[in-house]
Amino acid sequence: MPRGPKKHLKRLNAPRHWMLDKLGGVFAPKPTSGPHKQRECLPLMLVLRNRLKYALNGAEVNAICMQRLIKVDSKIRTEKNYPTGFMDVITIDKTGENFRVIFDHKGRFVMHRISKEESAYKLCKVKNLCFGPKGVPQVLTHDGRTIRYPDPLIRENDSVVVNIETNKITDFVSFDIGNLVMVTGGRNTGRVGVVQHREKHKGNFDICHVRDSNGNDFATRMGNVFVIGKGNKALISLPKNKGIALTIVEEMEKRKEDA
């Protein structure tokens, strides 16, 4: 029997949102252990080869990474299968480009180009509040950060604005009715809207009801909701379509108009 964790990932078992073609080979890049879950991340290999088209194959991706050209959240990453995830900032100093990993309106990861000013911070969802060694209060975020001495008003499910150079919280947004959220899991992944109300179910999942800017209502689990702005104003720039999902008929009409 082999010992240790599996080192391989078959292409047919890879997450759908990676959008790998079925006949492009037997295997897919398996993300290394890191701040994001295996099925909720995008390995650097796919970012550089499939999305940004800076490399033709894995060997070229490896060459780029080993030259220490790629930064994720302002830290140089040389592992070609390093898992980047929701809200991560990818910086390529040689080309002067900055990207934020974010969902489009169909729930697929896109490399959203952002300005240098916006690349200095990211939003993190507070997963847990606890006391660390010697009774120091700390928050745990969705990307594996532990931040000590947070603002006492911060609660679970809030979003904090983190300066990625200093790892310090500069601002926070409470999970309140009327605030802007993005859905990060389930069938409505990538949709953006304003919180209408939340239902509490003892012993089951709490449900959050959201309304997008077109007036369409949808509901999802509380765990899938990520606060991205105060009121209607987002703290980050959003990709094309601004998180508004269209029906098949609306998409068809839009394509006719663009043609």
Protein backbone atom coordinates (compact mmCIF):
# COMPACT_ATOMS: atom_id res chain seq x y z
CA MET A 1 0.00 0.00 0.00
CA PRO A 2 1.27 3.51 -0.80
CA ARG A 3 1.92 5.74 2.16
CA GLY A 4 1.01 9.38 2.57
CA PRO A 5 -1.42 11.62 0.70
CA LYS A 6 -2.21 11.15 -2.99
CA LYS A 7 -0.01 13.16 -5.34
CA HIS A 8 -2.18 12.81 -8.44
CA LEU A 9 -5.52 14.12 -9.67
CA LYS A 10 -7.32 12.67 -12.68
CA ARG A 11 -8.68 15.26 -15.08
CA LEU A 12 -12.23 13.93 -14.92
CA ASN A 13 -12.19 14.38 -11.13
CA ALA A 14 -10.98 17.99 -11.30
CA PRO A 15 -13.50 20.70 -10.28
CA ARG A 16 -15.80 21.78 -13.08
CA HIS A 17 -15.04 25.47 -12.66
CA TRP A 18 -11.39 24.85 -13.69
CA MET A 19 -12.84 24.37 -17.19
CA LEU A 20 -10.30 21.76 -18.30
CA ASP A 21 -11.05 20.01 -21.58
CA LYS A 22 -11.79 16.32 -21.24
CA LEU A 23 -9.40 15.18 -23.95
CA GLY A 24 -6.46 17.40 -22.99
CA GLY A 25 -4.68 14.65 -21.08
CA VAL A 26 -5.26 12.12 -18.33
CA PHE A 27 -4.16 14.18 -15.32
CA ALA A 28 -4.81 17.63 -13.88
CA PRO A 29 -2.56 19.69 -11.60
CA LYS A 30 -3.26 18.70 -7.99
CA PRO A 31 -3.16 21.75 -5.69
CA THR A 32 -0.71 21.57 -2.81
CA SER A 33 -1.96 22.05 0.73
CA GLY A 34 -2.47 25.74 1.44
CA PRO A 35 -4.95 28.40 2.55
CA HIS A 36 -7.80 27.24 0.28
CA LYS A 37 -9.55 23.90 -0.07
CA GLN A 38 -8.64 21.69 -3.02
CA ARG A 39 -12.02 22.03 -4.71
CA GLU A 40 -12.38 25.76 -3.95
CA CYS A 41 -9.10 26.95 -5.42
CA LEU A 42 -7.26 27.51 -8.69
CA PRO A 43 -3.63 26.25 -8.84
CA LEU A 44 -1.00 28.72 -10.11
CA MET A 45 -0.39 26.31 -12.99
CA LEU A 46 -3.90 26.97 -14.37
CA VAL A 47 -3.65 30.71 -13.67
CA LEU A 48 -0.47 31.15 -15.75
CA ARG A 49 -1.12 28.54 -18.45
CA ASN A 50 -4.88 28.39 -19.00
CA ARG A 51 -6.09 31.84 -17.89
CA LEU A 52 -3.31 34.38 -18.49
CA LYS A 53 -1.63 32.38 -21.31
CA TYR A 54 1.88 33.25 -20.11
CA ALA A 55 2.99 29.63 -20.55
CA LEU A 56 2.30 26.84 -23.03
CA ASN A 57 2.96 23.92 -20.67
CA GLY A 58 3.81 22.94 -17.11
CA ALA A 59 7.56 23.19 -17.63
CA GLU A 60 7.23 26.84 -18.66
CA VAL A 61 5.03 27.56 -15.63
CA ASN A 62 7.70 26.01 -13.43
CA ALA A 63 10.38 28.18 -15.07
CA ILE A 64 8.32 31.34 -14.44
CA CYS A 65 7.67 30.45 -10.79
CA MET A 66 11.28 29.50 -10.07
CA GLN A 67 12.42 32.91 -11.31
CA ARG A 68 10.41 34.32 -8.34
CA LEU A 69 8.24 36.44 -10.64
CA ILE A 70 4.83 35.59 -9.16
CA LYS A 71 3.49 37.01 -5.91
CA VAL A 72 0.28 35.85 -4.22
CA ASP A 73 -0.92 38.30 -1.54
CA SER A 74 2.46 40.11 -1.79
CA LYS A 75 4.45 36.91 -1.00
CA ILE A 76 6.64 35.26 -3.65
CA ARG A 77 5.37 31.75 -4.46
CA THR A 78 7.60 29.30 -6.32
CA GLU A 79 5.30 26.25 -6.04
CA LYS A 80 3.60 25.83 -9.43
CA ASN A 81 0.56 24.12 -7.87
CA TYR A 82 0.09 26.65 -5.05
CA PRO A 83 -3.68 27.05 -4.44
CA THR A 84 -4.98 30.57 -5.11
CA GLY A 85 -8.55 31.21 -4.07
CA PHE A 86 -11.38 33.70 -3.71
CA MET A 87 -10.13 37.29 -3.10
CA ASP A 88 -6.41 36.44 -3.51
CA VAL A 89 -4.29 39.13 -5.18
CA ILE A 90 -1.80 37.91 -7.81
CA THR A 91 0.98 40.38 -8.68
CA ILE A 92 3.44 40.12 -11.57
CA ASP A 93 5.96 42.93 -11.02
CA LYS A 94 7.80 42.31 -14.29
CA THR A 95 4.69 43.21 -16.33
CA GLY A 96 3.21 45.60 -13.74
CA GLU A 97 -0.03 43.62 -13.63
CA ASN A 98 -2.29 42.91 -10.66
CA PHE A 99 -5.20 40.46 -10.64
CA ARG A 100 -7.82 39.50 -8.10
CA VAL A 101 -9.15 35.93 -8.13
CA ILE A 102 -12.92 36.31 -8.05
CA PHE A 103 -16.06 34.59 -9.35
CA ASP A 104 -17.87 35.74 -12.48
CA HIS A 105 -21.68 35.71 -12.67
CA LYS A 106 -21.64 32.03 -13.69
CA GLY A 107 -19.59 30.88 -10.70
CA ARG A 108 -16.26 30.45 -12.50
CA PHE A 109 -12.95 31.82 -11.27
CA VAL A 110 -11.77 34.79 -13.34
CA MET A 111 -8.54 36.78 -13.13
CA HIS A 112 -9.99 40.26 -12.65
CA ARG A 113 -7.44 42.97 -13.51
CA ILE A 114 -7.16 45.60 -10.76
CA SER A 115 -5.19 48.80 -10.10
CA LYS A 116 -2.03 49.02 -7.99
CA GLU A 117 -3.97 50.85 -5.26
CA GLU A 118 -6.62 48.12 -5.06
CA SER A 119 -3.98 45.39 -5.00
CA ALA A 120 -2.77 46.60 -1.59
CA TYR A 121 -5.73 45.07 0.25
CA LYS A 122 -8.15 42.16 0.19
CA LEU A 123 -11.42 41.25 1.88
CA CYS A 124 -11.46 38.30 4.28
CA LYS A 125 -14.51 36.64 5.76
CA VAL A 126 -14.36 36.08 9.53
CA LYS A 127 -14.90 32.35 10.12
CA ASN A 128 -14.26 32.25 13.87
CA LEU A 129 -13.62 34.46 16.88
CA CYS A 130 -11.59 32.98 19.69
CA PHE A 131 -8.95 33.57 22.34
CA GLY A 132 -5.41 32.41 21.60
CA PRO A 133 -2.51 31.74 23.96
CA LYS A 134 -2.47 33.95 27.07
CA GLY A 135 -6.05 35.03 26.37
CA VAL A 136 -5.23 37.11 23.28
CA PRO A 137 -8.39 37.73 21.18
CA GLN A 138 -8.02 36.72 17.53
CA VAL A 139 -10.08 36.20 14.39
CA LEU A 140 -9.66 33.35 11.89
CA THR A 141 -10.41 34.22 8.25
CA HIS A 142 -11.51 32.22 5.20
CA ASP A 143 -7.96 32.22 3.77
CA GLY A 144 -6.28 30.74 6.84
CA ARG A 145 -5.11 33.98 8.47
CA THR A 146 -5.02 34.47 12.22
CA ILE A 147 -5.20 38.16 13.11
CA ARG A 148 -4.65 39.16 16.74
CA TYR A 149 -6.32 41.99 18.64
CA PRO A 150 -9.19 42.69 16.20
CA ASP A 151 -11.79 45.43 16.68
CA PRO A 152 -14.15 44.27 19.48
CA LEU A 153 -17.17 45.02 17.23
CA ILE A 154 -16.14 42.40 14.63
CA ARG A 155 -18.39 39.33 14.62
CA GLU A 156 -18.56 36.01 12.77
CA ASN A 157 -19.58 36.30 9.08
CA ASP A 158 -18.38 39.93 8.91
CA SER A 159 -15.76 40.86 6.30
CA VAL A 160 -12.51 42.59 7.23
CA VAL A 161 -10.34 44.71 4.93
CA VAL A 162 -6.79 43.38 5.37
CA ASN A 163 -3.63 45.18 4.26
CA ILE A 164 -1.73 42.29 2.67
CA GLU A 165 1.70 43.86 3.30
CA THR A 166 1.23 44.26 7.07
CA ASN A 167 -1.52 41.66 7.72
CA LYS A 168 -3.39 44.33 9.70
CA ILE A 169 -7.14 45.02 9.63
CA THR A 170 -7.82 48.53 8.28
CA ASP A 171 -11.63 48.39 8.14
CA PHE A 172 -14.53 45.95 8.45
CA VAL A 173 -18.07 45.49 7.13
CA SER A 174 -20.72 43.90 9.31
CA PHE A 175 -23.06 41.22 8.03
CA ASP A 176 -26.23 43.35 8.16
CA ILE A 177 -29.47 43.62 6.21
CA GLY A 178 -28.95 46.10 3.37
CA ASN A 179 -25.26 45.34 2.77
CA LEU A 180 -23.84 44.06 -0.51
CA VAL A 181 -22.81 40.39 -0.67
CA MET A 182 -21.39 37.90 -3.16
CA VAL A 183 -22.34 34.22 -3.11
CA THR A 184 -19.28 31.93 -2.97
CA GLY A 185 -20.89 28.47 -3.00
CA GLY A 186 -23.91 26.57 -4.28
CA ARG A 187 -25.95 27.10 -7.44
CA ASN A 188 -25.89 30.90 -7.16
CA THR A 189 -22.07 31.18 -6.96
CA GLY A 190 -20.83 34.52 -8.29
CA ARG A 191 -24.13 36.39 -7.94
CA VAL A 192 -24.07 39.76 -6.18
CA GLY A 193 -26.95 41.36 -4.31
CA VAL A 194 -28.21 43.08 -1.19
CA VAL A 195 -29.18 41.09 1.92
CA GLN A 196 -32.96 41.19 2.48
CA HIS A 197 -33.31 38.99 5.56
CA ARG A 198 -31.93 35.85 7.16
CA GLU A 199 -33.79 32.85 8.52
CA LYS A 200 -32.45 31.04 11.56
CA HIS A 201 -33.07 27.30 11.73
CA LYS A 202 -32.03 25.56 14.93
CA GLY A 203 -30.06 22.42 14.20
CA ASN A 204 -29.94 23.22 10.48
CA PHE A 205 -28.41 25.71 8.05
CA ASP A 206 -29.36 29.38 8.38
CA ILE A 207 -30.72 30.76 5.11
CA CYS A 208 -29.92 34.20 3.68
CA HIS A 209 -32.28 35.92 1.21
CA VAL A 210 -30.60 38.21 -1.35
CA ARG A 211 -31.92 40.57 -4.06
CA ASP A 212 -29.76 41.59 -7.03
CA SER A 213 -29.83 44.98 -8.79
CA ASN A 214 -32.30 43.64 -11.40
CA GLY A 215 -34.80 42.89 -8.62
CA ASN A 216 -34.40 39.09 -8.75
CA ASP A 217 -34.58 37.31 -5.39
CA PHE A 218 -32.67 34.16 -4.46
CA ALA A 219 -31.74 32.33 -1.27
CA THR A 220 -28.63 30.50 -0.16
CA ARG A 221 -26.96 29.17 2.98
CA MET A 222 -25.31 31.61 5.35
CA GLY A 223 -21.97 29.85 4.87
CA ASN A 224 -22.05 30.73 1.15
CA VAL A 225 -22.47 34.49 1.65
CA PHE A 226 -19.48 36.87 1.60
CA VAL A 227 -20.00 40.57 2.45
CA ILE A 228 -18.24 42.80 -0.13
CA GLY A 229 -19.63 46.27 0.56
CA LYS A 230 -21.55 48.73 2.72
CA GLY A 231 -25.01 49.46 1.37
CA ASN A 232 -24.91 49.25 -2.44
CA LYS A 233 -21.25 50.31 -2.71
CA ALA A 234 -18.71 47.51 -3.18
CA LEU A 235 -15.26 47.82 -1.56
CA ILE A 236 -13.67 46.02 -4.52
CA SER A 237 -14.13 46.31 -8.28
CA LEU A 238 -16.32 43.59 -9.80
CA PRO A 239 -15.80 41.69 -13.08
CA LYS A 240 -17.99 42.03 -16.17
CA ASN A 241 -21.78 41.75 -15.58
CA LYS A 242 -21.25 42.91 -11.95
CA GLY A 243 -22.49 39.58 -10.58
CA ILE A 244 -25.92 39.74 -12.26
CA ALA A 245 -26.98 36.36 -13.61
CA LEU A 246 -29.09 36.44 -16.78
CA THR A 247 -31.64 33.88 -17.90
CA ILE A 248 -30.97 31.89 -21.10
CA VAL A 249 -33.41 34.10 -23.03
CA GLU A 250 -31.81 37.32 -21.73
CA GLU A 251 -28.36 36.02 -22.68
CA MET A 252 -29.58 35.18 -26.19
CA GLU A 253 -31.05 38.67 -26.65
CA LYS A 254 -27.86 40.26 -25.34
CA ARG A 255 -25.78 38.26 -27.85
CA LYS A 256 -28.08 39.45 -30.67
CA GLU A 257 -27.64 43.07 -29.58
CA ASP A 258 -23.85 42.72 -29.44
CA ALA A 259 -23.67 41.02 -32.85
